[in-house]
Amino acid sequence: MNLDVAIAELIASVKHVDDLKEHAIRDFAQTAGFYAESGPTFDPKGTYLCGDCCFRQMPHTCDLVSGIIKMKIGSCMMWRIGEPVGLKVKHKLSQVEAGYAERPRSKGFGCSRCEYGSEAEKPDSAGRKSWCDFWRMHIKPLACCFREEGPDSKDAPGE
């Protein structure tokens, strides 16, 4: 089954989001959609830029992704926070495969910059005050997932 179809069917099945359903959606978003509120895939600054990723190779390449990488405006689904690790891989992913994109105007990624993110009508039981219209769940504004989009998004500009 196509991941986009599965996501659409899951979200369409949710009429009223209660804590139990929202927890299930959040679990799915974390595993299938790379959604992160904590851990090595969470950026406490909420920008998720290549310049803070452990796979960066300064000044403009990446351990995992091919092509020119822009540290101050780029990011991808492989993003992990940390100091450079110098990982050597046999074959790098293309920018398309890695979901690499650039945000030249907003200079950052994350729910607070995403077209799907907004203020929630009311916080959830965990105190999340923001809402994602894609996943149909409460979110942390500094979180991010692979569906992050905005008016200045440029997908795989190096391919």
N, C-alpha and C. Protein backbone atom coordinates (compact mmCIF):
# COMPACT_ATOMS: atom_id res chain seq x y z
N MET A 1 0.84 -1.17 0.00
CA MET A 1 0.00 0.00 0.00
C MET A 1 0.89 1.24 0.00
N ASN A 2 0.52 2.24 -0.72
CA ASN A 2 1.21 3.50 -0.79
C ASN A 2 1.11 4.21 0.56
N LEU A 3 2.23 4.76 1.05
CA LEU A 3 2.25 5.42 2.35
C LEU A 3 1.30 6.61 2.39
N ASP A 4 1.25 7.41 1.33
CA ASP A 4 0.35 8.55 1.30
C ASP A 4 -1.11 8.11 1.39
N VAL A 5 -1.45 6.99 0.74
CA VAL A 5 -2.81 6.46 0.80
C VAL A 5 -3.13 6.00 2.22
N ALA A 6 -2.18 5.29 2.85
CA ALA A 6 -2.39 4.81 4.21
C ALA A 6 -2.58 5.97 5.18
N ILE A 7 -1.77 7.01 5.03
CA ILE A 7 -1.89 8.18 5.89
C ILE A 7 -3.25 8.84 5.69
N ALA A 8 -3.64 9.03 4.44
CA ALA A 8 -4.93 9.67 4.13
C ALA A 8 -6.09 8.87 4.71
N GLU A 9 -6.03 7.53 4.59
CA GLU A 9 -7.10 6.69 5.13
C GLU A 9 -7.16 6.76 6.64
N LEU A 10 -6.00 6.77 7.30
CA LEU A 10 -5.96 6.87 8.76
C LEU A 10 -6.56 8.20 9.21
N ILE A 11 -6.13 9.27 8.59
CA ILE A 11 -6.62 10.59 8.98
C ILE A 11 -8.11 10.73 8.68
N ALA A 12 -8.56 10.24 7.54
CA ALA A 12 -9.98 10.32 7.18
C ALA A 12 -10.86 9.54 8.15
N SER A 13 -10.31 8.49 8.76
CA SER A 13 -11.11 7.68 9.68
C SER A 13 -11.33 8.37 11.02
N VAL A 14 -10.60 9.45 11.27
CA VAL A 14 -10.71 10.16 12.53
C VAL A 14 -11.74 11.27 12.42
N LYS A 15 -12.87 11.09 13.06
CA LYS A 15 -13.92 12.10 13.05
C LYS A 15 -13.74 13.04 14.24
N HIS A 16 -13.56 12.44 15.40
CA HIS A 16 -13.38 13.20 16.63
C HIS A 16 -12.08 12.71 17.27
N VAL A 17 -11.12 13.61 17.41
CA VAL A 17 -9.82 13.20 17.94
C VAL A 17 -9.84 13.28 19.45
N ASP A 18 -9.83 12.14 20.09
CA ASP A 18 -9.69 12.11 21.54
C ASP A 18 -8.27 11.68 21.86
N ASP A 19 -7.92 11.65 23.15
CA ASP A 19 -6.54 11.35 23.53
C ASP A 19 -6.07 10.00 23.00
N LEU A 20 -6.90 8.97 23.07
CA LEU A 20 -6.50 7.64 22.62
C LEU A 20 -6.23 7.62 21.12
N LYS A 21 -7.14 8.18 20.33
CA LYS A 21 -6.94 8.22 18.89
C LYS A 21 -5.74 9.09 18.54
N GLU A 22 -5.62 10.22 19.21
CA GLU A 22 -4.50 11.11 18.93
C GLU A 22 -3.17 10.45 19.27
N HIS A 23 -3.15 9.68 20.34
CA HIS A 23 -1.93 8.94 20.70
C HIS A 23 -1.56 7.96 19.59
N ALA A 24 -2.55 7.26 19.04
CA ALA A 24 -2.29 6.30 17.95
C ALA A 24 -1.78 7.03 16.70
N ILE A 25 -2.38 8.17 16.39
CA ILE A 25 -1.93 8.94 15.23
C ILE A 25 -0.50 9.44 15.46
N ARG A 26 -0.20 9.93 16.67
CA ARG A 26 1.14 10.41 16.97
C ARG A 26 2.17 9.29 16.84
N ASP A 27 1.83 8.10 17.33
CA ASP A 27 2.74 6.95 17.18
C ASP A 27 3.00 6.67 15.70
N PHE A 28 1.95 6.71 14.89
CA PHE A 28 2.11 6.48 13.45
C PHE A 28 2.95 7.59 12.82
N ALA A 29 2.68 8.84 13.19
CA ALA A 29 3.44 9.97 12.65
C ALA A 29 4.92 9.87 13.02
N GLN A 30 5.21 9.36 14.21
CA GLN A 30 6.60 9.22 14.64
C GLN A 30 7.32 8.12 13.87
N THR A 31 6.64 7.01 13.60
CA THR A 31 7.31 5.91 12.92
C THR A 31 7.30 6.06 11.40
N ALA A 32 6.18 6.46 10.83
CA ALA A 32 6.09 6.55 9.37
C ALA A 32 6.37 7.95 8.84
N GLY A 33 6.19 8.96 9.66
CA GLY A 33 6.32 10.33 9.19
C GLY A 33 7.48 11.10 9.77
N PHE A 34 8.36 10.41 10.52
CA PHE A 34 9.54 11.04 11.09
C PHE A 34 9.20 12.20 12.02
N TYR A 35 8.00 12.21 12.62
CA TYR A 35 7.63 13.28 13.55
C TYR A 35 8.44 13.11 14.83
N ALA A 36 9.00 14.22 15.33
CA ALA A 36 9.82 14.15 16.54
C ALA A 36 9.52 15.29 17.49
N GLU A 37 9.28 14.95 18.75
CA GLU A 37 9.11 15.92 19.83
C GLU A 37 10.25 15.84 20.83
N SER A 38 11.12 14.85 20.67
CA SER A 38 12.26 14.67 21.57
C SER A 38 13.26 13.73 20.90
N GLY A 39 14.41 13.59 21.53
CA GLY A 39 15.42 12.65 21.04
C GLY A 39 16.32 13.22 19.95
N PRO A 40 17.10 12.35 19.30
CA PRO A 40 18.10 12.81 18.33
C PRO A 40 17.53 13.41 17.05
N THR A 41 16.24 13.21 16.80
CA THR A 41 15.64 13.81 15.62
C THR A 41 14.83 15.07 15.96
N PHE A 42 14.97 15.54 17.21
CA PHE A 42 14.31 16.77 17.64
C PHE A 42 15.34 17.88 17.75
N ASP A 43 15.02 19.04 17.19
CA ASP A 43 15.89 20.20 17.27
C ASP A 43 15.29 21.19 18.27
N PRO A 44 15.92 21.39 19.43
CA PRO A 44 15.36 22.30 20.43
C PRO A 44 15.28 23.74 19.93
N LYS A 45 16.03 24.08 18.88
CA LYS A 45 15.91 25.41 18.28
C LYS A 45 14.74 25.45 17.30
N GLY A 46 14.31 24.28 16.84
CA GLY A 46 13.17 24.19 15.93
C GLY A 46 13.47 24.60 14.50
N THR A 47 14.74 24.51 14.07
CA THR A 47 15.08 24.89 12.69
C THR A 47 15.40 23.70 11.79
N TYR A 48 15.99 22.64 12.33
CA TYR A 48 16.27 21.40 11.59
C TYR A 48 17.13 21.65 10.35
N LEU A 49 18.14 22.47 10.48
CA LEU A 49 19.00 22.80 9.34
C LEU A 49 20.21 21.89 9.26
N CYS A 50 20.69 21.67 8.05
CA CYS A 50 21.85 20.81 7.81
C CYS A 50 23.06 21.23 8.64
N GLY A 51 23.22 22.52 8.90
CA GLY A 51 24.34 23.00 9.69
C GLY A 51 24.38 22.48 11.12
N ASP A 52 23.28 21.93 11.62
CA ASP A 52 23.23 21.36 12.97
C ASP A 52 23.15 19.83 12.95
N CYS A 53 23.18 19.24 11.77
CA CYS A 53 23.02 17.79 11.62
C CYS A 53 24.35 17.07 11.80
N CYS A 54 24.31 15.90 12.40
CA CYS A 54 25.54 15.12 12.62
C CYS A 54 26.12 14.54 11.33
N PHE A 55 25.39 14.60 10.24
CA PHE A 55 25.89 14.07 8.96
C PHE A 55 26.46 15.16 8.06
N ARG A 56 26.56 16.38 8.56
CA ARG A 56 27.08 17.48 7.74
C ARG A 56 28.58 17.30 7.48
N GLN A 57 28.99 17.71 6.30
CA GLN A 57 30.40 17.80 5.93
C GLN A 57 30.61 19.22 5.44
N MET A 58 31.16 20.04 6.29
CA MET A 58 31.34 21.44 5.93
C MET A 58 32.33 21.55 4.77
N PRO A 59 32.17 22.47 3.82
CA PRO A 59 31.19 23.54 3.91
C PRO A 59 29.86 23.24 3.21
N HIS A 60 29.77 22.22 2.32
CA HIS A 60 28.51 22.07 1.57
C HIS A 60 28.23 20.65 1.08
N THR A 61 28.62 19.64 1.86
CA THR A 61 28.27 18.27 1.49
C THR A 61 27.75 17.53 2.73
N CYS A 62 27.30 16.29 2.50
CA CYS A 62 26.67 15.48 3.55
C CYS A 62 27.20 14.05 3.47
N ASP A 63 27.27 13.39 4.63
CA ASP A 63 27.68 11.99 4.67
C ASP A 63 26.71 11.08 3.91
N LEU A 64 25.43 11.43 3.92
CA LEU A 64 24.39 10.54 3.41
C LEU A 64 23.72 10.97 2.11
N VAL A 65 23.74 12.28 1.81
CA VAL A 65 22.96 12.82 0.69
C VAL A 65 23.89 13.40 -0.36
N SER A 66 23.62 13.10 -1.62
CA SER A 66 24.47 13.57 -2.72
C SER A 66 24.17 15.03 -3.08
N GLY A 67 25.10 15.62 -3.80
CA GLY A 67 24.90 16.98 -4.30
C GLY A 67 25.33 18.05 -3.32
N ILE A 68 25.13 19.29 -3.74
CA ILE A 68 25.45 20.44 -2.91
C ILE A 68 24.37 20.59 -1.84
N ILE A 69 24.82 20.71 -0.61
CA ILE A 69 23.93 20.85 0.54
C ILE A 69 24.14 22.25 1.12
N LYS A 70 23.06 22.94 1.34
CA LYS A 70 23.15 24.30 1.89
C LYS A 70 22.85 24.25 3.38
N MET A 71 23.90 24.45 4.17
CA MET A 71 23.83 24.28 5.62
C MET A 71 22.87 25.24 6.31
N LYS A 72 22.68 26.45 5.77
CA LYS A 72 21.86 27.46 6.44
C LYS A 72 20.42 27.50 5.97
N ILE A 73 20.07 26.70 4.92
CA ILE A 73 18.67 26.72 4.45
C ILE A 73 18.15 25.33 4.08
N GLY A 74 18.98 24.28 4.19
CA GLY A 74 18.57 22.94 3.78
C GLY A 74 18.33 21.98 4.93
N SER A 75 17.57 20.90 4.62
CA SER A 75 17.32 19.82 5.58
C SER A 75 16.77 18.62 4.82
N CYS A 76 16.72 17.46 5.50
CA CYS A 76 16.16 16.25 4.88
C CYS A 76 15.64 15.31 5.96
N MET A 77 15.08 14.18 5.52
CA MET A 77 14.52 13.20 6.45
C MET A 77 15.58 12.44 7.25
N MET A 78 16.85 12.54 6.86
CA MET A 78 17.92 11.85 7.57
C MET A 78 18.45 12.68 8.74
N TRP A 79 17.96 13.91 8.92
CA TRP A 79 18.47 14.85 9.89
C TRP A 79 18.54 14.27 11.30
N ARG A 80 19.70 14.43 11.93
CA ARG A 80 19.92 14.05 13.33
C ARG A 80 20.79 15.14 13.94
N ILE A 81 20.45 15.60 15.11
CA ILE A 81 21.22 16.66 15.75
C ILE A 81 22.55 16.12 16.26
N GLY A 82 23.59 16.93 16.20
CA GLY A 82 24.84 16.53 16.80
C GLY A 82 26.07 16.99 16.05
N GLU A 83 27.20 16.70 16.67
CA GLU A 83 28.49 17.01 16.05
C GLU A 83 28.72 16.06 14.88
N PRO A 84 29.50 16.49 13.87
CA PRO A 84 29.74 15.63 12.70
C PRO A 84 30.32 14.27 13.09
N VAL A 85 29.79 13.22 12.49
CA VAL A 85 30.24 11.86 12.77
C VAL A 85 31.17 11.30 11.70
N GLY A 86 31.18 11.90 10.51
CA GLY A 86 32.07 11.43 9.45
C GLY A 86 31.72 10.04 8.95
N LEU A 87 30.44 9.74 8.83
CA LEU A 87 29.98 8.44 8.36
C LEU A 87 30.36 8.22 6.90
N LYS A 88 30.92 7.07 6.62
CA LYS A 88 31.28 6.72 5.24
C LYS A 88 30.30 5.66 4.75
N VAL A 89 29.54 5.99 3.70
CA VAL A 89 28.59 5.05 3.12
C VAL A 89 29.02 4.71 1.71
N LYS A 90 28.65 3.52 1.26
CA LYS A 90 29.03 3.07 -0.08
C LYS A 90 28.34 3.90 -1.16
N HIS A 91 27.04 4.16 -0.97
CA HIS A 91 26.26 4.94 -1.93
C HIS A 91 25.43 5.96 -1.18
N LYS A 92 25.57 7.21 -1.55
CA LYS A 92 24.76 8.26 -0.93
C LYS A 92 23.35 8.23 -1.53
N LEU A 93 22.40 8.71 -0.75
CA LEU A 93 21.03 8.87 -1.23
C LEU A 93 20.96 10.09 -2.15
N SER A 94 20.07 10.03 -3.12
CA SER A 94 19.82 11.23 -3.93
C SER A 94 19.07 12.22 -3.05
N GLN A 95 19.01 13.47 -3.47
CA GLN A 95 18.26 14.46 -2.72
C GLN A 95 16.77 14.09 -2.67
N VAL A 96 16.27 13.50 -3.74
CA VAL A 96 14.86 13.07 -3.77
C VAL A 96 14.65 11.95 -2.75
N GLU A 97 15.51 10.94 -2.75
CA GLU A 97 15.37 9.81 -1.82
C GLU A 97 15.43 10.26 -0.37
N ALA A 98 16.27 11.26 -0.08
CA ALA A 98 16.44 11.74 1.30
C ALA A 98 15.37 12.76 1.68
N GLY A 99 14.58 13.21 0.72
CA GLY A 99 13.60 14.25 1.01
C GLY A 99 14.26 15.59 1.29
N TYR A 100 15.43 15.82 0.67
CA TYR A 100 16.15 17.08 0.89
C TYR A 100 15.36 18.25 0.28
N ALA A 101 15.29 19.33 1.03
CA ALA A 101 14.62 20.54 0.56
C ALA A 101 15.34 21.75 1.13
N GLU A 102 15.06 22.89 0.55
CA GLU A 102 15.62 24.15 1.03
C GLU A 102 14.50 25.15 1.28
N ARG A 103 14.68 25.97 2.30
CA ARG A 103 13.73 27.04 2.65
C ARG A 103 14.52 28.36 2.65
N PRO A 104 14.73 28.96 1.47
CA PRO A 104 15.58 30.15 1.37
C PRO A 104 15.07 31.39 2.10
N ARG A 105 13.78 31.57 2.22
CA ARG A 105 13.25 32.75 2.91
C ARG A 105 13.11 32.51 4.41
N SER A 106 12.50 31.40 4.79
CA SER A 106 12.27 31.15 6.22
C SER A 106 13.51 30.64 6.94
N LYS A 107 14.48 30.10 6.20
CA LYS A 107 15.74 29.61 6.76
C LYS A 107 15.54 28.68 7.95
N GLY A 108 14.60 27.76 7.79
CA GLY A 108 14.33 26.79 8.82
C GLY A 108 13.14 25.92 8.46
N PHE A 109 13.02 24.82 9.18
CA PHE A 109 11.94 23.87 8.99
C PHE A 109 11.22 23.71 10.32
N GLY A 110 10.22 22.87 10.40
CA GLY A 110 9.54 22.61 11.65
C GLY A 110 8.08 23.07 11.63
N CYS A 111 7.32 22.55 12.58
CA CYS A 111 5.88 22.80 12.65
C CYS A 111 5.53 24.28 12.71
N SER A 112 6.36 25.07 13.36
CA SER A 112 6.04 26.50 13.50
C SER A 112 6.13 27.24 12.17
N ARG A 113 6.80 26.65 11.17
CA ARG A 113 6.93 27.27 9.85
C ARG A 113 6.12 26.55 8.77
N CYS A 114 5.46 25.50 9.14
CA CYS A 114 4.80 24.63 8.17
C CYS A 114 3.40 25.12 7.82
N GLU A 115 3.00 24.89 6.58
CA GLU A 115 1.66 25.29 6.16
C GLU A 115 0.57 24.50 6.89
N TYR A 116 0.90 23.34 7.45
CA TYR A 116 -0.08 22.54 8.18
C TYR A 116 -0.18 22.91 9.66
N GLY A 117 0.80 23.66 10.19
CA GLY A 117 0.82 24.00 11.60
C GLY A 117 0.02 25.26 11.93
N SER A 118 -0.65 25.23 13.07
CA SER A 118 -1.41 26.39 13.53
C SER A 118 -1.63 26.27 15.04
N GLU A 119 -2.25 27.29 15.62
CA GLU A 119 -2.59 27.23 17.03
C GLU A 119 -3.81 26.33 17.20
N ALA A 120 -3.77 25.47 18.21
CA ALA A 120 -4.90 24.58 18.49
C ALA A 120 -6.04 25.35 19.13
N GLU A 121 -7.25 24.83 18.98
CA GLU A 121 -8.41 25.45 19.64
C GLU A 121 -8.22 25.46 21.16
N LYS A 122 -7.66 24.36 21.66
CA LYS A 122 -7.31 24.26 23.07
C LYS A 122 -6.18 23.24 23.19
N PRO A 123 -5.35 23.35 24.22
CA PRO A 123 -4.26 22.39 24.39
C PRO A 123 -4.78 20.98 24.66
N ASP A 124 -3.96 19.99 24.33
CA ASP A 124 -4.33 18.61 24.66
C ASP A 124 -3.94 18.32 26.10
N SER A 125 -4.15 17.10 26.56
CA SER A 125 -3.89 16.75 27.95
C SER A 125 -2.41 16.83 28.31
N ALA A 126 -1.52 16.81 27.30
CA ALA A 126 -0.08 16.93 27.54
C ALA A 126 0.39 18.38 27.43
N GLY A 127 -0.53 19.29 27.17
CA GLY A 127 -0.19 20.70 27.09
C GLY A 127 0.29 21.20 25.74
N ARG A 128 0.14 20.38 24.69
CA ARG A 128 0.53 20.81 23.35
C ARG A 128 -0.47 21.87 22.87
N LYS A 129 0.05 23.06 22.53
CA LYS A 129 -0.82 24.19 22.19
C LYS A 129 -0.97 24.40 20.69
N SER A 130 -0.28 23.60 19.89
CA SER A 130 -0.35 23.77 18.43
C SER A 130 -1.05 22.57 17.80
N TRP A 131 -1.47 22.73 16.55
CA TRP A 131 -2.24 21.74 15.83
C TRP A 131 -1.64 21.51 14.44
N CYS A 132 -1.66 20.26 13.98
CA CYS A 132 -1.22 19.93 12.63
C CYS A 132 -2.44 19.51 11.82
N ASP A 133 -2.71 20.25 10.75
CA ASP A 133 -3.84 19.91 9.89
C ASP A 133 -3.56 18.71 9.00
N PHE A 134 -2.29 18.36 8.79
CA PHE A 134 -2.00 17.16 8.01
C PHE A 134 -2.28 15.91 8.83
N TRP A 135 -1.66 15.81 10.01
CA TRP A 135 -1.81 14.62 10.85
C TRP A 135 -3.08 14.66 11.68
N ARG A 136 -3.70 15.82 11.82
CA ARG A 136 -4.91 15.99 12.63
C ARG A 136 -4.62 15.63 14.09
N MET A 137 -3.57 16.25 14.63
CA MET A 137 -3.19 16.01 16.02
C MET A 137 -2.54 17.26 16.59
N HIS A 138 -2.50 17.31 17.93
CA HIS A 138 -1.78 18.37 18.63
C HIS A 138 -0.29 18.13 18.44
N ILE A 139 0.46 19.22 18.37
CA ILE A 139 1.90 19.14 18.13
C ILE A 139 2.63 20.15 19.01
N LYS A 140 3.93 19.97 19.11
CA LYS A 140 4.79 20.97 19.72
C LYS A 140 5.30 21.86 18.58
N PRO A 141 5.26 23.17 18.74
CA PRO A 141 5.63 24.06 17.64
C PRO A 141 7.08 23.90 17.18
N LEU A 142 7.97 23.40 18.03
CA LEU A 142 9.37 23.20 17.63
C LEU A 142 9.62 21.82 17.04
N ALA A 143 8.58 20.99 16.97
CA ALA A 143 8.71 19.65 16.38
C ALA A 143 8.76 19.75 14.85
N CYS A 144 8.92 18.60 14.20
CA CYS A 144 8.97 18.57 12.74
C CYS A 144 8.65 17.15 12.26
N CYS A 145 8.20 17.05 11.00
CA CYS A 145 8.00 15.74 10.36
C CYS A 145 8.34 15.84 8.88
N PHE A 146 8.24 14.75 8.18
CA PHE A 146 8.63 14.74 6.77
C PHE A 146 7.64 15.46 5.86
N ARG A 147 6.48 15.85 6.35
CA ARG A 147 5.50 16.57 5.53
C ARG A 147 5.66 18.08 5.63
N GLU A 148 6.67 18.54 6.34
CA GLU A 148 6.89 19.98 6.52
C GLU A 148 6.92 20.68 5.17
N GLU A 149 6.06 21.64 4.99
CA GLU A 149 5.94 22.39 3.74
C GLU A 149 5.75 23.86 4.04
N GLY A 150 6.10 24.68 3.07
CA GLY A 150 5.88 26.11 3.19
C GLY A 150 5.97 26.76 1.83
N PRO A 151 5.60 28.01 1.73
CA PRO A 151 5.57 28.67 0.44
C PRO A 151 6.94 28.80 -0.22
N ASP A 152 8.01 28.76 0.55
CA ASP A 152 9.33 28.89 -0.05
C ASP A 152 10.07 27.55 -0.16
N SER A 153 9.38 26.42 0.05
CA SER A 153 10.02 25.09 -0.04
C SER A 153 10.47 24.79 -1.46
N LYS A 154 11.72 24.36 -1.57
CA LYS A 154 12.28 23.92 -2.85
C LYS A 154 12.78 22.50 -2.66
N ASP A 155 12.04 21.52 -3.20
CA ASP A 155 12.38 20.12 -3.04
C ASP A 155 13.49 19.71 -4.00
N ALA A 156 14.51 19.03 -3.46
CA ALA A 156 15.62 18.47 -4.23
C ALA A 156 16.12 19.43 -5.31
N PRO A 157 16.57 20.64 -4.92
CA PRO A 157 16.99 21.62 -5.92
C PRO A 157 18.24 21.23 -6.68
N GLY A 158 19.01 20.27 -6.15
CA GLY A 158 20.24 19.86 -6.82
C GLY A 158 20.07 18.73 -7.81
N GLU A 159 18.82 18.34 -8.08
CA GLU A 159 18.58 17.23 -9.02
C GLU A 159 17.66 17.64 -10.13
